[in-house]
């Protein structure tokens, strides 16, 4: 089951939760694998989370002995809910989740959905270049998150200074509306919003994904789950990786998932699926290169500057590697 959740009330829980981490994560190991329904948060109904949606629609979670409820929450709220125990896993690996880990949230990246971003800067039609957008408002889904960081890297790759633009945070559904009404002059969009924007006559100025090698989607788990609930986590990762492989192998079934999950017509679903196939390959094993790019992006924003961060501090690839081998992927 997938549902929306008002994440606002969770924002304060991060501070509260950090104060009681000992109580939350020091529970005895015995009996911990007997948890009932598993709650997985996801940031938005987009290309980043297709494996999660497919695993639910195709009952792959159930085939692996799991009862999963997916809940839409903004990244910051999901981090807080993870600390409090209200969310068991976070469907996402990116600057926001890694920054939370480095600030003390006991969690790590455990699975990659993709190793390449799908983002483009799209503007109102009167703007024909990035230079013309200087001083104008560019919308992203969240400050400090993947879209914000990707935008800044993309701008710098084109010789622009991100400080010359007014970067503002809006919810994903409001980005396209904001472009149409003129409340923002440009936005960083991913599929299927890129497709909708082009149909409405809006202008694609930069394929940001071509300049940013960073994971899109994935799974972040608490250290407690990694250590004490390895069997459950293994089944979650297996379900997601199998779902991703099935999405890549079956176009028709995948298009149906996309149409149902993000409520688009067939033409849009086909366009979105083509983007998914182009970027979603791989074994799902978190890579050092991908995690290093996330860290570099955070340091570019002035966070954790000068701090040497080991892969093992922010990621644990052991279970994903085990699953990949069992599924026949060649793993170094």
C-alpha atoms as a PDB file:
ATOM      1  CA  UNK A   1       0.000   0.000   0.000  1.00  0.00           C
ATOM      2  CA  UNK A   2       1.255   3.458  -0.882  1.00  0.00           C
ATOM      3  CA  UNK A   3       0.020   6.624   0.791  1.00  0.00           C
ATOM      4  CA  UNK A   4       0.818  10.291   1.214  1.00  0.00           C
ATOM      5  CA  UNK A   5       1.933  11.685   4.550  1.00  0.00           C
ATOM      6  CA  UNK A   6       2.147  15.212   5.890  1.00  0.00           C
ATOM      7  CA  UNK A   7       5.800  15.269   6.882  1.00  0.00           C
ATOM      8  CA  UNK A   8       5.777  18.655   8.604  1.00  0.00           C
ATOM      9  CA  UNK A   9       5.325  17.280  12.083  1.00  0.00           C
ATOM     10  CA  UNK A  10       8.350  15.045  11.688  1.00  0.00           C
ATOM     11  CA  UNK A  11      10.857  17.826  11.174  1.00  0.00           C
ATOM     12  CA  UNK A  12      11.237  18.464  14.894  1.00  0.00           C
ATOM     13  CA  UNK A  13      11.589  14.785  15.666  1.00  0.00           C
ATOM     14  CA  UNK A  14      15.169  14.684  14.419  1.00  0.00           C
ATOM     15  CA  UNK A  15      16.373  16.744  17.357  1.00  0.00           C
ATOM     16  CA  UNK A  16      14.195  14.846  19.803  1.00  0.00           C
ATOM     17  CA  UNK A  17      15.141  11.509  18.306  1.00  0.00           C
ATOM     18  CA  UNK A  18      18.867  12.154  18.553  1.00  0.00           C
ATOM     19  CA  UNK A  19      18.443  12.610  22.285  1.00  0.00           C
ATOM     20  CA  UNK A  20      16.923   9.163  22.656  1.00  0.00           C
ATOM     21  CA  UNK A  21      18.943   7.212  20.120  1.00  0.00           C
ATOM     22  CA  UNK A  22      20.255   4.939  22.808  1.00  0.00           C
ATOM     23  CA  UNK A  23      16.748   3.827  23.673  1.00  0.00           C
ATOM     24  CA  UNK A  24      15.675   3.445  20.072  1.00  0.00           C
ATOM     25  CA  UNK A  25      18.639   1.550  18.714  1.00  0.00           C
ATOM     26  CA  UNK A  26      19.735  -0.402  21.772  1.00  0.00           C
ATOM     27  CA  UNK A  27      16.780  -2.802  21.750  1.00  0.00           C
ATOM     28  CA  UNK A  28      17.718  -6.443  22.311  1.00  0.00           C
ATOM     29  CA  UNK A  29      18.526  -8.449  19.217  1.00  0.00           C
ATOM     30  CA  UNK A  30      16.279 -11.392  20.073  1.00  0.00           C
ATOM     31  CA  UNK A  31      12.915 -11.284  18.343  1.00  0.00           C
ATOM     32  CA  UNK A  32      13.735  -8.277  16.204  1.00  0.00           C
ATOM     33  CA  UNK A  33      13.197 -10.167  12.950  1.00  0.00           C
ATOM     34  CA  UNK A  34       9.524 -10.652  13.872  1.00  0.00           C
ATOM     35  CA  UNK A  35       8.495  -7.115  12.882  1.00  0.00           C
ATOM     36  CA  UNK A  36       5.143  -6.871  11.116  1.00  0.00           C
ATOM     37  CA  UNK A  37       4.426  -4.254   8.483  1.00  0.00           C
ATOM     38  CA  UNK A  38       7.497  -2.473   7.132  1.00  0.00           C
ATOM     39  CA  UNK A  39       7.203   1.239   6.358  1.00  0.00           C
ATOM     40  CA  UNK A  40       9.375   2.657   3.570  1.00  0.00           C
ATOM     41  CA  UNK A  41       9.362   6.384   2.829  1.00  0.00           C
ATOM     42  CA  UNK A  42       9.843   7.795  -0.649  1.00  0.00           C
ATOM     43  CA  UNK A  43      10.319  11.455  -1.671  1.00  0.00           C
ATOM     44  CA  UNK A  44       7.954  11.708  -4.640  1.00  0.00           C
ATOM     45  CA  UNK A  45       6.147   9.669  -7.271  1.00  0.00           C
ATOM     46  CA  UNK A  46       8.812   9.859  -9.949  1.00  0.00           C
ATOM     47  CA  UNK A  47      11.408   7.860 -11.803  1.00  0.00           C
ATOM     48  CA  UNK A  48      13.567   7.576  -8.677  1.00  0.00           C
ATOM     49  CA  UNK A  49      11.198   5.091  -7.035  1.00  0.00           C
ATOM     50  CA  UNK A  50       9.914   2.860  -9.836  1.00  0.00           C
ATOM     51  CA  UNK A  51      11.476  -0.268  -8.306  1.00  0.00           C
ATOM     52  CA  UNK A  52       9.616   0.374  -5.046  1.00  0.00           C
ATOM     53  CA  UNK A  53       6.299   0.860  -6.848  1.00  0.00           C
ATOM     54  CA  UNK A  54       6.841  -2.217  -9.036  1.00  0.00           C
ATOM     55  CA  UNK A  55       7.810  -4.396  -6.063  1.00  0.00           C
ATOM     56  CA  UNK A  56       4.473  -3.488  -4.500  1.00  0.00           C
ATOM     57  CA  UNK A  57       2.273  -3.742  -7.596  1.00  0.00           C
ATOM     58  CA  UNK A  58       3.795  -7.050  -8.677  1.00  0.00           C
ATOM     59  CA  UNK A  59       3.681  -8.412  -5.096  1.00  0.00           C
ATOM     60  CA  UNK A  60       7.410  -9.065  -5.083  1.00  0.00           C
ATOM     61  CA  UNK A  61       7.636  -7.939  -1.467  1.00  0.00           C
ATOM     62  CA  UNK A  62       4.937 -10.453  -0.549  1.00  0.00           C
ATOM     63  CA  UNK A  63       6.795 -13.208  -2.413  1.00  0.00           C
ATOM     64  CA  UNK A  64       9.754 -12.440  -0.162  1.00  0.00           C
ATOM     65  CA  UNK A  65       7.652 -12.637   2.989  1.00  0.00           C
ATOM     66  CA  UNK A  66       7.289  -8.885   3.516  1.00  0.00           C
ATOM     67  CA  UNK A  67       4.307  -6.631   4.142  1.00  0.00           C
ATOM     68  CA  UNK A  68       5.356  -3.173   2.987  1.00  0.00           C
ATOM     69  CA  UNK A  69       3.633   0.184   3.250  1.00  0.00           C
ATOM     70  CA  UNK A  70       5.213   3.042   1.280  1.00  0.00           C
ATOM     71  CA  UNK A  71       4.686   6.580   2.551  1.00  0.00           C
ATOM     72  CA  UNK A  72       5.514   9.768   0.672  1.00  0.00           C
ATOM     73  CA  UNK A  73       7.568  12.124   2.831  1.00  0.00           C
ATOM     74  CA  UNK A  74      10.072  14.876   2.200  1.00  0.00           C
ATOM     75  CA  UNK A  75      13.661  13.825   2.818  1.00  0.00           C
ATOM     76  CA  UNK A  76      14.197  15.858   5.986  1.00  0.00           C
ATOM     77  CA  UNK A  77      10.997  14.507   7.513  1.00  0.00           C
ATOM     78  CA  UNK A  78      11.930  10.961   6.508  1.00  0.00           C
ATOM     79  CA  UNK A  79      15.287  11.277   8.267  1.00  0.00           C
ATOM     80  CA  UNK A  80      13.538  12.352  11.460  1.00  0.00           C
ATOM     81  CA  UNK A  81      10.937   9.599  11.166  1.00  0.00           C
ATOM     82  CA  UNK A  82      13.713   7.060  10.669  1.00  0.00           C
ATOM     83  CA  UNK A  83      15.388   8.180  13.881  1.00  0.00           C
ATOM     84  CA  UNK A  84      12.095   7.947  15.803  1.00  0.00           C
ATOM     85  CA  UNK A  85      11.385   4.484  14.397  1.00  0.00           C
ATOM     86  CA  UNK A  86       8.214   5.512  12.564  1.00  0.00           C
ATOM     87  CA  UNK A  87       9.896   4.729   9.240  1.00  0.00           C
ATOM     88  CA  UNK A  88      11.972   1.570   8.851  1.00  0.00           C
ATOM     89  CA  UNK A  89      13.725   2.340   5.538  1.00  0.00           C
ATOM     90  CA  UNK A  90      14.191   5.419   3.371  1.00  0.00           C
ATOM     91  CA  UNK A  91      13.895   4.943  -0.394  1.00  0.00           C
ATOM     92  CA  UNK A  92      16.670   7.239  -1.467  1.00  0.00           C
ATOM     93  CA  UNK A  93      20.417   7.753  -1.463  1.00  0.00           C
ATOM     94  CA  UNK A  94      21.653  11.268  -2.070  1.00  0.00           C
ATOM     95  CA  UNK A  95      23.066  14.427  -0.524  1.00  0.00           C
ATOM     96  CA  UNK A  96      20.266  14.710   2.013  1.00  0.00           C
ATOM     97  CA  UNK A  97      20.520  11.161   3.346  1.00  0.00           C
ATOM     98  CA  UNK A  98      24.326  11.198   3.376  1.00  0.00           C
ATOM     99  CA  UNK A  99      24.399  14.572   5.132  1.00  0.00           C
ATOM    100  CA  UNK A 100      22.042  13.178   7.769  1.00  0.00           C
ATOM    101  CA  UNK A 101      24.397  10.241   8.317  1.00  0.00           C
ATOM    102  CA  UNK A 102      27.391  12.542   8.660  1.00  0.00           C
ATOM    103  CA  UNK A 103      25.497  14.694  11.165  1.00  0.00           C
ATOM    104  CA  UNK A 104      24.916  11.723  13.430  1.00  0.00           C
ATOM    105  CA  UNK A 105      21.848   9.863  12.197  1.00  0.00           C
ATOM    106  CA  UNK A 106      22.920   6.200  12.488  1.00  0.00           C
ATOM    107  CA  UNK A 107      22.234   5.084   8.917  1.00  0.00           C
ATOM    108  CA  UNK A 108      23.974   4.045   5.698  1.00  0.00           C
ATOM    109  CA  UNK A 109      23.266   3.666   1.994  1.00  0.00           C
ATOM    110  CA  UNK A 110      22.679  -0.026   1.248  1.00  0.00           C
ATOM    111  CA  UNK A 111      21.326  -0.162  -2.341  1.00  0.00           C
ATOM    112  CA  UNK A 112      21.433   1.942  -5.512  1.00  0.00           C
ATOM    113  CA  UNK A 113      18.444   2.228  -7.836  1.00  0.00           C
ATOM    114  CA  UNK A 114      20.459   4.029 -10.516  1.00  0.00           C
ATOM    115  CA  UNK A 115      23.897   5.484 -10.984  1.00  0.00           C
ATOM    116  CA  UNK A 116      22.880   8.443 -13.157  1.00  0.00           C
ATOM    117  CA  UNK A 117      20.608  11.400 -12.512  1.00  0.00           C
ATOM    118  CA  UNK A 118      17.776  12.454 -14.800  1.00  0.00           C
ATOM    119  CA  UNK A 119      17.368  16.208 -14.408  1.00  0.00           C
ATOM    120  CA  UNK A 120      17.062  19.148 -16.776  1.00  0.00           C
ATOM    121  CA  UNK A 121      16.845  22.890 -16.250  1.00  0.00           C
ATOM    122  CA  UNK A 122      13.591  23.965 -17.889  1.00  0.00           C
ATOM    123  CA  UNK A 123      12.630  27.620 -18.243  1.00  0.00           C
ATOM    124  CA  UNK A 124       9.762  29.745 -19.421  1.00  0.00           C
ATOM    125  CA  UNK A 125       9.929  30.161 -23.232  1.00  0.00           C
ATOM    126  CA  UNK A 126      11.182  33.764 -23.163  1.00  0.00           C
ATOM    127  CA  UNK A 127      14.528  32.641 -21.700  1.00  0.00           C
ATOM    128  CA  UNK A 128      16.942  31.222 -24.245  1.00  0.00           C
ATOM    129  CA  UNK A 129      20.117  30.703 -22.186  1.00  0.00           C
ATOM    130  CA  UNK A 130      21.374  30.176 -18.657  1.00  0.00           C
ATOM    131  CA  UNK A 131      22.920  33.623 -18.753  1.00  0.00           C
ATOM    132  CA  UNK A 132      19.455  35.159 -19.181  1.00  0.00           C
ATOM    133  CA  UNK A 133      18.351  33.385 -15.997  1.00  0.00           C
ATOM    134  CA  UNK A 134      20.885  35.154 -13.783  1.00  0.00           C
ATOM    135  CA  UNK A 135      19.072  36.783 -10.882  1.00  0.00           C
ATOM    136  CA  UNK A 136      15.939  34.781 -11.673  1.00  0.00           C
ATOM    137  CA  UNK A 137      14.181  32.132  -9.586  1.00  0.00           C
ATOM    138  CA  UNK A 138      14.946  28.469 -10.240  1.00  0.00           C
ATOM    139  CA  UNK A 139      12.752  25.965  -8.413  1.00  0.00           C
ATOM    140  CA  UNK A 140      14.004  22.699  -6.877  1.00  0.00           C
ATOM    141  CA  UNK A 141      12.185  20.148  -4.744  1.00  0.00           C
ATOM    142  CA  UNK A 142      14.277  20.805  -1.637  1.00  0.00           C
ATOM    143  CA  UNK A 143      17.258  22.869  -0.565  1.00  0.00           C
ATOM    144  CA  UNK A 144      20.278  20.725   0.229  1.00  0.00           C
ATOM    145  CA  UNK A 145      18.772  17.685  -1.477  1.00  0.00           C
ATOM    146  CA  UNK A 146      19.703  15.898  -4.680  1.00  0.00           C
ATOM    147  CA  UNK A 147      17.923  18.339  -6.991  1.00  0.00           C
ATOM    148  CA  UNK A 148      19.516  21.389  -5.345  1.00  0.00           C
ATOM    149  CA  UNK A 149      23.003  19.893  -5.430  1.00  0.00           C
ATOM    150  CA  UNK A 150      22.610  18.648  -9.004  1.00  0.00           C
ATOM    151  CA  UNK A 151      21.478  22.096 -10.126  1.00  0.00           C
ATOM    152  CA  UNK A 152      24.517  23.776  -8.578  1.00  0.00           C
ATOM    153  CA  UNK A 153      26.918  21.247 -10.115  1.00  0.00           C
ATOM    154  CA  UNK A 154      25.252  21.602 -13.511  1.00  0.00           C
ATOM    155  CA  UNK A 155      25.479  25.401 -13.398  1.00  0.00           C
ATOM    156  CA  UNK A 156      29.133  25.311 -12.447  1.00  0.00           C
ATOM    157  CA  UNK A 157      29.833  22.781 -15.214  1.00  0.00           C
ATOM    158  CA  UNK A 158      28.576  25.408 -17.652  1.00  0.00           C
ATOM    159  CA  UNK A 159      30.766  28.140 -16.172  1.00  0.00           C
ATOM    160  CA  UNK A 160      27.975  29.736 -14.139  1.00  0.00           C
ATOM    161  CA  UNK A 161      28.055  30.663 -10.458  1.00  0.00           C
ATOM    162  CA  UNK A 162      25.090  29.232  -8.548  1.00  0.00           C
ATOM    163  CA  UNK A 163      25.110  32.355  -6.351  1.00  0.00           C
ATOM    164  CA  UNK A 164      23.984  34.380  -9.365  1.00  0.00           C
ATOM    165  CA  UNK A 165      20.618  32.589  -9.328  1.00  0.00           C
ATOM    166  CA  UNK A 166      17.760  32.595  -6.809  1.00  0.00           C
ATOM    167  CA  UNK A 167      17.276  28.913  -5.957  1.00  0.00           C
ATOM    168  CA  UNK A 168      13.942  28.299  -4.224  1.00  0.00           C
ATOM    169  CA  UNK A 169      12.317  25.159  -2.841  1.00  0.00           C
ATOM    170  CA  UNK A 170       8.889  24.000  -3.997  1.00  0.00           C
ATOM    171  CA  UNK A 171       7.087  20.696  -3.817  1.00  0.00           C
ATOM    172  CA  UNK A 172       7.446  18.608  -6.968  1.00  0.00           C
ATOM    173  CA  UNK A 173       3.819  19.179  -8.081  1.00  0.00           C
ATOM    174  CA  UNK A 174       4.272  22.964  -7.771  1.00  0.00           C
ATOM    175  CA  UNK A 175       7.322  23.210 -10.048  1.00  0.00           C
ATOM    176  CA  UNK A 176       5.442  22.943 -13.320  1.00  0.00           C
ATOM    177  CA  UNK A 177       2.609  25.126 -12.032  1.00  0.00           C
ATOM    178  CA  UNK A 178       5.140  27.726 -10.920  1.00  0.00           C
ATOM    179  CA  UNK A 179       6.667  27.821 -14.400  1.00  0.00           C
ATOM    180  CA  UNK A 180       3.280  28.251 -16.025  1.00  0.00           C
ATOM    181  CA  UNK A 181       2.133  31.021 -13.684  1.00  0.00           C
ATOM    182  CA  UNK A 182       5.467  32.826 -13.669  1.00  0.00           C
ATOM    183  CA  UNK A 183       6.082  32.512  -9.922  1.00  0.00           C
ATOM    184  CA  UNK A 184       9.429  30.997 -10.946  1.00  0.00           C
ATOM    185  CA  UNK A 185      11.354  31.520 -14.162  1.00  0.00           C
ATOM    186  CA  UNK A 186      12.933  28.054 -14.337  1.00  0.00           C
ATOM    187  CA  UNK A 187      12.964  24.729 -12.528  1.00  0.00           C
ATOM    188  CA  UNK A 188      15.015  21.586 -12.266  1.00  0.00           C
ATOM    189  CA  UNK A 189      12.727  18.807 -13.477  1.00  0.00           C
ATOM    190  CA  UNK A 190      12.948  15.055 -13.932  1.00  0.00           C
ATOM    191  CA  UNK A 191      10.706  12.623 -15.790  1.00  0.00           C
ATOM    192  CA  UNK A 192       7.788  12.807 -16.400  1.00  0.00           C
ATOM    193  CA  UNK A 193       7.704  16.544 -15.655  1.00  0.00           C
ATOM    194  CA  UNK A 194      10.337  17.241 -18.338  1.00  0.00           C
ATOM    195  CA  UNK A 195       8.031  15.684 -20.903  1.00  0.00           C
ATOM    196  CA  UNK A 196       5.015  17.689 -19.720  1.00  0.00           C
ATOM    197  CA  UNK A 197       7.030  20.897 -19.724  1.00  0.00           C
ATOM    198  CA  UNK A 198       8.134  20.441 -23.337  1.00  0.00           C
ATOM    199  CA  UNK A 199       4.559  19.747 -24.433  1.00  0.00           C
ATOM    200  CA  UNK A 200       3.511  23.028 -22.844  1.00  0.00           C
ATOM    201  CA  UNK A 201       6.112  24.951 -24.842  1.00  0.00           C
ATOM    202  CA  UNK A 202       8.601  25.424 -22.018  1.00  0.00           C
ATOM    203  CA  UNK A 203      12.283  25.409 -22.925  1.00  0.00           C
ATOM    204  CA  UNK A 204      14.908  22.836 -21.886  1.00  0.00           C
ATOM    205  CA  UNK A 205      18.150  24.741 -21.317  1.00  0.00           C
ATOM    206  CA  UNK A 206      20.474  22.125 -19.852  1.00  0.00           C
ATOM    207  CA  UNK A 207      20.593  18.355 -19.401  1.00  0.00           C
ATOM    208  CA  UNK A 208      21.998  18.440 -15.882  1.00  0.00           C
ATOM    209  CA  UNK A 209      22.185  14.647 -15.628  1.00  0.00           C
ATOM    210  CA  UNK A 210      24.865  14.625 -18.309  1.00  0.00           C
ATOM    211  CA  UNK A 211      27.147  16.595 -15.978  1.00  0.00           C
ATOM    212  CA  UNK A 212      26.445  14.865 -12.646  1.00  0.00           C
ATOM    213  CA  UNK A 213      27.423  11.250 -12.017  1.00  0.00           C
ATOM    214  CA  UNK A 214      25.449  10.579  -8.858  1.00  0.00           C
ATOM    215  CA  UNK A 215      22.965   7.905  -7.692  1.00  0.00           C
ATOM    216  CA  UNK A 216      19.265   8.534  -8.225  1.00  0.00           C
ATOM    217  CA  UNK A 217      17.125   6.637  -5.764  1.00  0.00           C
ATOM    218  CA  UNK A 218      18.165   3.671  -3.686  1.00  0.00           C
ATOM    219  CA  UNK A 219      17.729   2.558  -0.106  1.00  0.00           C
ATOM    220  CA  UNK A 220      19.068   3.918   3.187  1.00  0.00           C
ATOM    221  CA  UNK A 221      18.822   1.763   6.300  1.00  0.00           C
ATOM    222  CA  UNK A 222      19.507   2.358   9.976  1.00  0.00           C
ATOM    223  CA  UNK A 223      22.628   0.820  11.453  1.00  0.00           C
ATOM    224  CA  UNK A 224      20.349  -1.174  13.730  1.00  0.00           C
ATOM    225  CA  UNK A 225      18.581  -2.763  10.748  1.00  0.00           C
ATOM    226  CA  UNK A 226      21.900  -3.581   9.096  1.00  0.00           C
ATOM    227  CA  UNK A 227      23.258  -5.188  12.257  1.00  0.00           C
ATOM    228  CA  UNK A 228      20.171  -6.756  13.826  1.00  0.00           C
ATOM    229  CA  UNK A 229      17.696  -7.266  10.980  1.00  0.00           C
ATOM    230  CA  UNK A 230      19.973  -8.511   8.220  1.00  0.00           C
ATOM    231  CA  UNK A 231      17.508 -11.161   7.040  1.00  0.00           C
ATOM    232  CA  UNK A 232      14.713  -8.611   6.655  1.00  0.00           C
ATOM    233  CA  UNK A 233      16.987  -6.101   4.944  1.00  0.00           C
ATOM    234  CA  UNK A 234      18.216  -8.786   2.564  1.00  0.00           C
ATOM    235  CA  UNK A 235      14.632  -9.543   1.536  1.00  0.00           C
ATOM    236  CA  UNK A 236      13.889  -5.841   1.036  1.00  0.00           C
ATOM    237  CA  UNK A 237      16.955  -5.361  -1.178  1.00  0.00           C
ATOM    238  CA  UNK A 238      16.248  -8.564  -3.105  1.00  0.00           C
ATOM    239  CA  UNK A 239      12.688  -7.396  -3.777  1.00  0.00           C
ATOM    240  CA  UNK A 240      13.859  -4.017  -5.052  1.00  0.00           C
ATOM    241  CA  UNK A 241      16.630  -5.435  -7.237  1.00  0.00           C
ATOM    242  CA  UNK A 242      14.345  -8.088  -8.747  1.00  0.00           C
ATOM    243  CA  UNK A 243      11.722  -5.421  -9.419  1.00  0.00           C
ATOM    244  CA  UNK A 244      14.303  -3.209 -11.111  1.00  0.00           C
ATOM    245  CA  UNK A 245      15.497  -6.067 -13.306  1.00  0.00           C
ATOM    246  CA  UNK A 246      11.934  -6.945 -14.278  1.00  0.00           C
ATOM    247  CA  UNK A 247      11.264  -3.298 -15.155  1.00  0.00           C
ATOM    248  CA  UNK A 248      14.232  -3.343 -17.516  1.00  0.00           C
ATOM    249  CA  UNK A 249      13.160  -6.618 -19.096  1.00  0.00           C
ATOM    250  CA  UNK A 250       9.450  -5.979 -19.661  1.00  0.00           C
ATOM    251  CA  UNK A 251       8.462  -2.755 -21.379  1.00  0.00           C
ATOM    252  CA  UNK A 252       4.709  -3.343 -21.376  1.00  0.00           C
ATOM    253  CA  UNK A 253       4.490  -4.324 -17.712  1.00  0.00           C
ATOM    254  CA  UNK A 254       6.736  -1.402 -16.805  1.00  0.00           C
ATOM    255  CA  UNK A 255       4.645   1.117 -18.696  1.00  0.00           C
ATOM    256  CA  UNK A 256       1.619  -0.138 -16.784  1.00  0.00           C
ATOM    257  CA  UNK A 257       3.458   0.402 -13.470  1.00  0.00           C
ATOM    258  CA  UNK A 258       4.418   3.929 -14.489  1.00  0.00           C
ATOM    259  CA  UNK A 259       0.872   4.802 -15.566  1.00  0.00           C
ATOM    260  CA  UNK A 260      -0.548   3.538 -12.279  1.00  0.00           C
ATOM    261  CA  UNK A 261       2.157   4.855  -9.941  1.00  0.00           C
ATOM    262  CA  UNK A 262       2.518   8.400 -11.217  1.00  0.00           C
ATOM    263  CA  UNK A 263      -0.875   8.625 -12.954  1.00  0.00           C
ATOM    264  CA  UNK A 264       0.170   9.588 -16.471  1.00  0.00           C
ATOM    265  CA  UNK A 265      -1.078   8.674 -19.932  1.00  0.00           C
ATOM    266  CA  UNK A 266       0.569   6.012 -22.065  1.00  0.00           C
ATOM    267  CA  UNK A 267       2.538   8.434 -24.235  1.00  0.00           C
ATOM    268  CA  UNK A 268       4.101  10.034 -21.159  1.00  0.00           C
ATOM    269  CA  UNK A 269       4.744   6.640 -19.587  1.00  0.00           C
ATOM    270  CA  UNK A 270       6.574   5.454 -22.711  1.00  0.00           C
ATOM    271  CA  UNK A 271       8.760   8.544 -22.723  1.00  0.00           C
ATOM    272  CA  UNK A 272       9.502   8.129 -19.023  1.00  0.00           C
ATOM    273  CA  UNK A 273      10.294   4.436 -19.447  1.00  0.00           C
ATOM    274  CA  UNK A 274      12.832   5.254 -22.145  1.00  0.00           C
ATOM    275  CA  UNK A 275      14.608   7.539 -19.660  1.00  0.00           C
ATOM    276  CA  UNK A 276      14.433   4.828 -17.010  1.00  0.00           C
ATOM    277  CA  UNK A 277      16.044   2.243 -19.294  1.00  0.00           C
ATOM    278  CA  UNK A 278      18.751   4.704 -20.279  1.00  0.00           C
ATOM    279  CA  UNK A 279      19.865   5.297 -16.702  1.00  0.00           C
ATOM    280  CA  UNK A 280      18.813   2.324 -14.564  1.00  0.00           C
ATOM    281  CA  UNK A 281      21.332  -0.418 -15.037  1.00  0.00           C
ATOM    282  CA  UNK A 282      23.691  -2.095 -12.661  1.00  0.00           C
ATOM    283  CA  UNK A 283      23.662  -4.576  -9.838  1.00  0.00           C
ATOM    284  CA  UNK A 284      22.326  -2.220  -7.178  1.00  0.00           C
ATOM    285  CA  UNK A 285      25.568  -2.427  -5.206  1.00  0.00           C
ATOM    286  CA  UNK A 286      26.550   1.002  -3.808  1.00  0.00           C
ATOM    287  CA  UNK A 287      29.751   2.175  -5.468  1.00  0.00           C
ATOM    288  CA  UNK A 288      32.618   4.170  -4.030  1.00  0.00           C
ATOM    289  CA  UNK A 289      32.476   6.503  -7.023  1.00  0.00           C
ATOM    290  CA  UNK A 290      28.804   7.288  -6.500  1.00  0.00           C
ATOM    291  CA  UNK A 291      29.192   7.937  -2.786  1.00  0.00           C
ATOM    292  CA  UNK A 292      32.307  10.045  -3.363  1.00  0.00           C
ATOM    293  CA  UNK A 293      30.358  12.224  -5.802  1.00  0.00           C
ATOM    294  CA  UNK A 294      27.682  12.811  -3.172  1.00  0.00           C
ATOM    295  CA  UNK A 295      30.321  13.799  -0.614  1.00  0.00           C
ATOM    296  CA  UNK A 296      32.010  16.121  -3.106  1.00  0.00           C
ATOM    297  CA  UNK A 297      28.685  17.763  -3.868  1.00  0.00           C
ATOM    298  CA  UNK A 298      28.085  18.400  -0.170  1.00  0.00           C
ATOM    299  CA  UNK A 299      31.545  19.838   0.273  1.00  0.00           C
ATOM    300  CA  UNK A 300      30.954  22.062  -2.724  1.00  0.00           C
ATOM    301  CA  UNK A 301      28.044  23.506  -0.741  1.00  0.00           C
ATOM    302  CA  UNK A 302      30.382  24.186   2.181  1.00  0.00           C
ATOM    303  CA  UNK A 303      29.290  21.201   4.252  1.00  0.00           C
ATOM    304  CA  UNK A 304      31.842  18.900   5.906  1.00  0.00           C
ATOM    305  CA  UNK A 305      34.644  20.852   4.231  1.00  0.00           C
ATOM    306  CA  UNK A 306      38.082  19.417   4.906  1.00  0.00           C
ATOM    307  CA  UNK A 307      36.628  16.263   6.435  1.00  0.00           C
ATOM    308  CA  UNK A 308      37.976  12.993   5.087  1.00  0.00           C
ATOM    309  CA  UNK A 309      35.020  10.629   4.767  1.00  0.00           C
ATOM    310  CA  UNK A 310      35.481   6.904   4.246  1.00  0.00           C
ATOM    311  CA  UNK A 311      33.058   4.871   2.134  1.00  0.00           C
ATOM    312  CA  UNK A 312      32.333   2.631   5.126  1.00  0.00           C
ATOM    313  CA  UNK A 313      31.190   5.643   7.139  1.00  0.00           C
ATOM    314  CA  UNK A 314      28.279   6.336   4.818  1.00  0.00           C
ATOM    315  CA  UNK A 315      27.568   3.068   2.978  1.00  0.00           C
ATOM    316  CA  UNK A 316      27.406  -0.659   3.586  1.00  0.00           C
ATOM    317  CA  UNK A 317      27.414  -2.693   0.370  1.00  0.00           C
ATOM    318  CA  UNK A 318      27.683  -6.172   1.864  1.00  0.00           C
ATOM    319  CA  UNK A 319      24.062  -7.280   1.597  1.00  0.00           C
ATOM    320  CA  UNK A 320      23.526  -5.716  -1.845  1.00  0.00           C
ATOM    321  CA  UNK A 321      26.687  -7.462  -3.041  1.00  0.00           C
ATOM    322  CA  UNK A 322      25.450 -10.786  -1.677  1.00  0.00           C
ATOM    323  CA  UNK A 323      22.084 -10.365  -3.398  1.00  0.00           C
ATOM    324  CA  UNK A 324      23.734  -9.359  -6.674  1.00  0.00           C
ATOM    325  CA  UNK A 325      25.846 -12.515  -6.694  1.00  0.00           C
ATOM    326  CA  UNK A 326      22.809 -14.683  -5.955  1.00  0.00           C
ATOM    327  CA  UNK A 327      20.961 -13.039  -8.877  1.00  0.00           C
ATOM    328  CA  UNK A 328      23.836 -13.723 -11.266  1.00  0.00           C
ATOM    329  CA  UNK A 329      25.493 -10.309 -11.545  1.00  0.00           C
ATOM    330  CA  UNK A 330      29.254 -10.217 -11.983  1.00  0.00           C
ATOM    331  CA  UNK A 331      30.670  -8.527  -8.906  1.00  0.00           C
ATOM    332  CA  UNK A 332      34.312  -7.598  -8.434  1.00  0.00           C
END
